[in-house]
PDB file of all heavy atoms in Angstrom:
ATOM      1  N   SER A   1     105.620 108.732 101.037  1.00  0.00           N
ATOM      2  CA  SER A   1     104.588 108.143 100.188  1.00  0.00           C
ATOM      3  C   SER A   1     103.232 108.668 100.646  1.00  0.00           C
ATOM      4  O   SER A   1     103.095 109.191 101.764  1.00  0.00           O
ATOM      5  CB  SER A   1     104.616 106.619 100.298  1.00  0.00           C
ATOM      6  OG  SER A   1     104.245 106.213 101.614  1.00  0.00           O
ATOM      7  N   LEU A   2     102.214 108.519  99.815  1.00  0.00           N
ATOM      8  CA  LEU A   2     100.882 108.992 100.201  1.00  0.00           C
ATOM      9  C   LEU A   2     100.366 108.205 101.401  1.00  0.00           C
ATOM     10  O   LEU A   2      99.790 108.786 102.329  1.00  0.00           O
ATOM     11  CB  LEU A   2      99.919 108.862  99.017  1.00  0.00           C
ATOM     12  CG  LEU A   2      98.470 109.282  99.290  1.00  0.00           C
ATOM     13  CD1 LEU A   2      98.395 110.708  99.815  1.00  0.00           C
ATOM     14  CD2 LEU A   2      97.619 109.131  98.030  1.00  0.00           C
ATOM     15  N   HIS A   3     100.575 106.894 101.388  1.00  0.00           N
ATOM     16  CA  HIS A   3     100.124 106.074 102.515  1.00  0.00           C
ATOM     17  C   HIS A   3     100.798 106.529 103.811  1.00  0.00           C
ATOM     18  O   HIS A   3     100.132 106.696 104.841  1.00  0.00           O
ATOM     19  CB  HIS A   3     100.451 104.603 102.242  1.00  0.00           C
ATOM     20  CG  HIS A   3     100.070 103.674 103.351  1.00  0.00           C
ATOM     21  ND1 HIS A   3      98.758 103.408 103.696  1.00  0.00           N
ATOM     22  CD2 HIS A   3     100.840 102.956 104.229  1.00  0.00           C
ATOM     23  CE1 HIS A   3      98.729 102.563 104.721  1.00  0.00           C
ATOM     24  NE2 HIS A   3      99.976 102.281 105.061  1.00  0.00           N
ATOM     25  N   GLY A   4     102.099 106.766 103.755  1.00  0.00           N
ATOM     26  CA  GLY A   4     102.816 107.216 104.940  1.00  0.00           C
ATOM     27  C   GLY A   4     102.372 108.590 105.395  1.00  0.00           C
ATOM     28  O   GLY A   4     102.262 108.855 106.601  1.00  0.00           O
ATOM     29  N   ALA A   5     102.116 109.478 104.433  1.00  0.00           N
ATOM     30  CA  ALA A   5     101.681 110.832 104.776  1.00  0.00           C
ATOM     31  C   ALA A   5     100.316 110.819 105.465  1.00  0.00           C
ATOM     32  O   ALA A   5     100.081 111.550 106.436  1.00  0.00           O
ATOM     33  CB  ALA A   5     101.626 111.695 103.515  1.00  0.00           C
ATOM     34  N   LEU A   6      99.398 109.980 104.978  1.00  0.00           N
ATOM     35  CA  LEU A   6      98.069 109.896 105.582  1.00  0.00           C
ATOM     36  C   LEU A   6      98.136 109.282 106.978  1.00  0.00           C
ATOM     37  O   LEU A   6      97.420 109.707 107.890  1.00  0.00           O
ATOM     38  CB  LEU A   6      97.136 109.086 104.683  1.00  0.00           C
ATOM     39  CG  LEU A   6      96.811 109.719 103.318  1.00  0.00           C
ATOM     40  CD1 LEU A   6      95.968 108.775 102.474  1.00  0.00           C
ATOM     41  CD2 LEU A   6      96.103 111.059 103.486  1.00  0.00           C
ATOM     42  N   LEU A   7      99.006 108.289 107.154  1.00  0.00           N
ATOM     43  CA  LEU A   7      99.199 107.714 108.488  1.00  0.00           C
ATOM     44  C   LEU A   7      99.737 108.758 109.459  1.00  0.00           C
ATOM     45  O   LEU A   7      99.313 108.832 110.626  1.00  0.00           O
ATOM     46  CB  LEU A   7     100.154 106.525 108.417  1.00  0.00           C
ATOM     47  CG  LEU A   7      99.613 105.219 107.828  1.00  0.00           C
ATOM     48  CD1 LEU A   7     100.702 104.173 107.788  1.00  0.00           C
ATOM     49  CD2 LEU A   7      98.415 104.713 108.645  1.00  0.00           C
ATOM     50  N   ALA A   8     100.678 109.580 108.978  1.00  0.00           N
ATOM     51  CA  ALA A   8     101.241 110.638 109.817  1.00  0.00           C
ATOM     52  C   ALA A   8     100.178 111.669 110.179  1.00  0.00           C
ATOM     53  O   ALA A   8     100.147 112.179 111.305  1.00  0.00           O
ATOM     54  CB  ALA A   8     102.409 111.309 109.093  1.00  0.00           C
ATOM     55  N   ALA A   9      99.296 111.971 109.227  1.00  0.00           N
ATOM     56  CA  ALA A   9      98.218 112.929 109.494  1.00  0.00           C
ATOM     57  C   ALA A   9      97.263 112.383 110.554  1.00  0.00           C
ATOM     58  O   ALA A   9      96.813 113.114 111.446  1.00  0.00           O
ATOM     59  CB  ALA A   9      97.461 113.232 108.204  1.00  0.00           C
ATOM     60  N   LYS A  10      96.962 111.104 110.475  1.00  0.00           N
ATOM     61  CA  LYS A  10      96.110 110.482 111.497  1.00  0.00           C
ATOM     62  C   LYS A  10      96.788 110.516 112.857  1.00  0.00           C
ATOM     63  O   LYS A  10      96.171 110.847 113.874  1.00  0.00           O
ATOM     64  CB  LYS A  10      95.813 109.028 111.110  1.00  0.00           C
ATOM     65  CG  LYS A  10      94.880 108.852 109.934  1.00  0.00           C
ATOM     66  CD  LYS A  10      94.639 107.371 109.676  1.00  0.00           C
ATOM     67  CE  LYS A  10      93.782 107.140 108.452  1.00  0.00           C
ATOM     68  NZ  LYS A  10      93.538 105.686 108.192  1.00  0.00           N
ATOM     69  N   ALA A  11      98.073 110.152 112.870  1.00  0.00           N
ATOM     70  CA  ALA A  11      98.819 110.128 114.129  1.00  0.00           C
ATOM     71  C   ALA A  11      98.901 111.508 114.756  1.00  0.00           C
ATOM     72  O   ALA A  11      98.964 111.643 115.992  1.00  0.00           O
ATOM     73  CB  ALA A  11     100.223 109.569 113.892  1.00  0.00           C
ATOM     74  N   ALA A  12      98.901 112.543 113.923  1.00  0.00           N
ATOM     75  CA  ALA A  12      98.967 113.915 114.429  1.00  0.00           C
ATOM     76  C   ALA A  12      97.617 114.399 114.938  1.00  0.00           C
ATOM     77  O   ALA A  12      97.512 115.513 115.461  1.00  0.00           O
ATOM     78  CB  ALA A  12      99.477 114.846 113.333  1.00  0.00           C
ATOM     79  N   GLY A  13      96.575 113.584 114.768  1.00  0.00           N
ATOM     80  CA  GLY A  13      95.257 113.931 115.293  1.00  0.00           C
ATOM     81  C   GLY A  13      94.374 114.724 114.356  1.00  0.00           C
ATOM     82  O   GLY A  13      93.351 115.279 114.790  1.00  0.00           O
ATOM     83  N   HIS A  14      94.723 114.780 113.082  1.00  0.00           N
ATOM     84  CA  HIS A  14      93.910 115.532 112.128  1.00  0.00           C
ATOM     85  C   HIS A  14      92.661 114.741 111.747  1.00  0.00           C
ATOM     86  O   HIS A  14      92.699 113.512 111.632  1.00  0.00           O
ATOM     87  CB  HIS A  14      94.711 115.860 110.875  1.00  0.00           C
ATOM     88  CG  HIS A  14      95.930 116.692 111.138  1.00  0.00           C
ATOM     89  ND1 HIS A  14      95.860 117.924 111.757  1.00  0.00           N
ATOM     90  CD2 HIS A  14      97.245 116.479 110.865  1.00  0.00           C
ATOM     91  CE1 HIS A  14      97.074 118.434 111.862  1.00  0.00           C
ATOM     92  NE2 HIS A  14      97.936 117.577 111.336  1.00  0.00           N
ATOM     93  N   ASP A  15      91.566 115.457 111.528  1.00  0.00           N
ATOM     94  CA  ASP A  15      90.306 114.825 111.152  1.00  0.00           C
ATOM     95  C   ASP A  15      90.121 114.762 109.634  1.00  0.00           C
ATOM     96  O   ASP A  15      89.318 113.972 109.142  1.00  0.00           O
ATOM     97  CB  ASP A  15      89.123 115.596 111.745  1.00  0.00           C
ATOM     98  CG  ASP A  15      89.131 115.584 113.263  1.00  0.00           C
ATOM     99  OD1 ASP A  15      89.496 114.537 113.839  1.00  0.00           O
ATOM    100  OD2 ASP A  15      88.794 116.614 113.863  1.00  0.00           O
ATOM    101  N   TYR A  16      90.821 115.612 108.923  1.00  0.00           N
ATOM    102  CA  TYR A  16      90.664 115.641 107.472  1.00  0.00           C
ATOM    103  C   TYR A  16      91.931 116.186 106.826  1.00  0.00           C
ATOM    104  O   TYR A  16      92.790 116.777 107.496  1.00  0.00           O
ATOM    105  CB  TYR A  16      89.467 116.509 107.066  1.00  0.00           C
ATOM    106  CG  TYR A  16      89.633 117.979 107.370  1.00  0.00           C
ATOM    107  CD1 TYR A  16      90.154 118.855 106.419  1.00  0.00           C
ATOM    108  CD2 TYR A  16      89.273 118.503 108.616  1.00  0.00           C
ATOM    109  CE1 TYR A  16      90.318 120.208 106.694  1.00  0.00           C
ATOM    110  CE2 TYR A  16      89.422 119.844 108.902  1.00  0.00           C
ATOM    111  CZ  TYR A  16      89.948 120.690 107.937  1.00  0.00           C
ATOM    112  OH  TYR A  16      90.119 122.026 108.214  1.00  0.00           O
ATOM    113  N   VAL A  17      92.049 115.961 105.536  1.00  0.00           N
ATOM    114  CA  VAL A  17      93.119 116.542 104.728  1.00  0.00           C
ATOM    115  C   VAL A  17      92.477 117.211 103.513  1.00  0.00           C
ATOM    116  O   VAL A  17      91.312 116.970 103.205  1.00  0.00           O
ATOM    117  CB  VAL A  17      94.142 115.479 104.263  1.00  0.00           C
ATOM    118  CG1 VAL A  17      94.914 114.919 105.441  1.00  0.00           C
ATOM    119  CG2 VAL A  17      93.465 114.368 103.469  1.00  0.00           C
ATOM    120  N   ASN A  18      93.242 118.052 102.866  1.00  0.00           N
ATOM    121  CA  ASN A  18      92.786 118.714 101.642  1.00  0.00           C
ATOM    122  C   ASN A  18      93.602 118.221 100.463  1.00  0.00           C
ATOM    123  O   ASN A  18      94.789 117.912 100.607  1.00  0.00           O
ATOM    124  CB  ASN A  18      92.962 120.236 101.747  1.00  0.00           C
ATOM    125  CG  ASN A  18      92.150 120.836 102.867  1.00  0.00           C
ATOM    126  OD1 ASN A  18      90.955 121.060 102.752  1.00  0.00           O
ATOM    127  ND2 ASN A  18      92.807 121.104 103.995  1.00  0.00           N
ATOM    128  N   ILE A  19      92.981 118.162  99.313  1.00  0.00           N
ATOM    129  CA  ILE A  19      93.713 117.849  98.084  1.00  0.00           C
ATOM    130  C   ILE A  19      93.410 118.933  97.055  1.00  0.00           C
ATOM    131  O   ILE A  19      92.275 119.403  96.936  1.00  0.00           O
ATOM    132  CB  ILE A  19      93.341 116.454  97.533  1.00  0.00           C
ATOM    133  CG1 ILE A  19      94.257 116.102  96.342  1.00  0.00           C
ATOM    134  CG2 ILE A  19      91.874 116.362  97.159  1.00  0.00           C
ATOM    135  CD1 ILE A  19      94.140 114.670  95.888  1.00  0.00           C
ATOM    136  N   ASP A  20      94.435 119.356  96.360  1.00  0.00           N
ATOM    137  CA  ASP A  20      94.265 120.406  95.357  1.00  0.00           C
ATOM    138  C   ASP A  20      95.372 120.271  94.327  1.00  0.00           C
ATOM    139  O   ASP A  20      96.479 119.820  94.639  1.00  0.00           O
ATOM    140  CB  ASP A  20      94.327 121.794  96.013  1.00  0.00           C
ATOM    141  CG  ASP A  20      93.813 122.887  95.082  1.00  0.00           C
ATOM    142  OD1 ASP A  20      93.051 122.568  94.149  1.00  0.00           O
ATOM    143  OD2 ASP A  20      94.179 124.059  95.280  1.00  0.00           O
ATOM    144  N   GLY A  21      95.067 120.644  93.112  1.00  0.00           N
ATOM    145  CA  GLY A  21      96.062 120.594  92.050  1.00  0.00           C
ATOM    146  C   GLY A  21      96.818 121.906  91.940  1.00  0.00           C
ATOM    147  O   GLY A  21      96.251 122.981  92.138  1.00  0.00           O
ATOM    148  N   ILE A  22      98.095 121.799  91.663  1.00  0.00           N
ATOM    149  CA  ILE A  22      98.920 122.983  91.448  1.00  0.00           C
ATOM    150  C   ILE A  22      99.512 122.899  90.048  1.00  0.00           C
ATOM    151  O   ILE A  22      99.943 121.827  89.617  1.00  0.00           O
ATOM    152  CB  ILE A  22     100.043 123.073  92.514  1.00  0.00           C
ATOM    153  CG1 ILE A  22     100.903 124.322  92.314  1.00  0.00           C
ATOM    154  CG2 ILE A  22     100.911 121.834  92.511  1.00  0.00           C
ATOM    155  CD1 ILE A  22     101.947 124.505  93.410  1.00  0.00           C
ATOM    156  N   LEU A  23      99.487 124.003  89.324  1.00  0.00           N
ATOM    157  CA  LEU A  23     100.099 124.031  87.997  1.00  0.00           C
ATOM    158  C   LEU A  23     101.491 124.624  88.125  1.00  0.00           C
ATOM    159  O   LEU A  23     101.650 125.783  88.497  1.00  0.00           O
ATOM    160  CB  LEU A  23      99.276 124.859  87.010  1.00  0.00           C
ATOM    161  CG  LEU A  23      99.820 124.772  85.575  1.00  0.00           C
ATOM    162  CD1 LEU A  23      99.260 123.537  84.868  1.00  0.00           C
ATOM    163  CD2 LEU A  23      99.509 126.015  84.764  1.00  0.00           C
ATOM    164  N   VAL A  24     102.495 123.824  87.825  1.00  0.00           N
ATOM    165  CA  VAL A  24     103.879 124.299  87.805  1.00  0.00           C
ATOM    166  C   VAL A  24     104.202 124.631  86.348  1.00  0.00           C
ATOM    167  O   VAL A  24     104.257 123.747  85.501  1.00  0.00           O
ATOM    168  CB  VAL A  24     104.847 123.234  88.348  1.00  0.00           C
ATOM    169  CG1 VAL A  24     106.280 123.741  88.291  1.00  0.00           C
ATOM    170  CG2 VAL A  24     104.471 122.865  89.780  1.00  0.00           C
TER     171      VAL A  24
END
């Protein structure tokens, strides 16, 4: 889930994430 992914990113010590759209 997005909430879980962001928690994992914090736990991994990341300061920021990127968001971008992909056209499939």
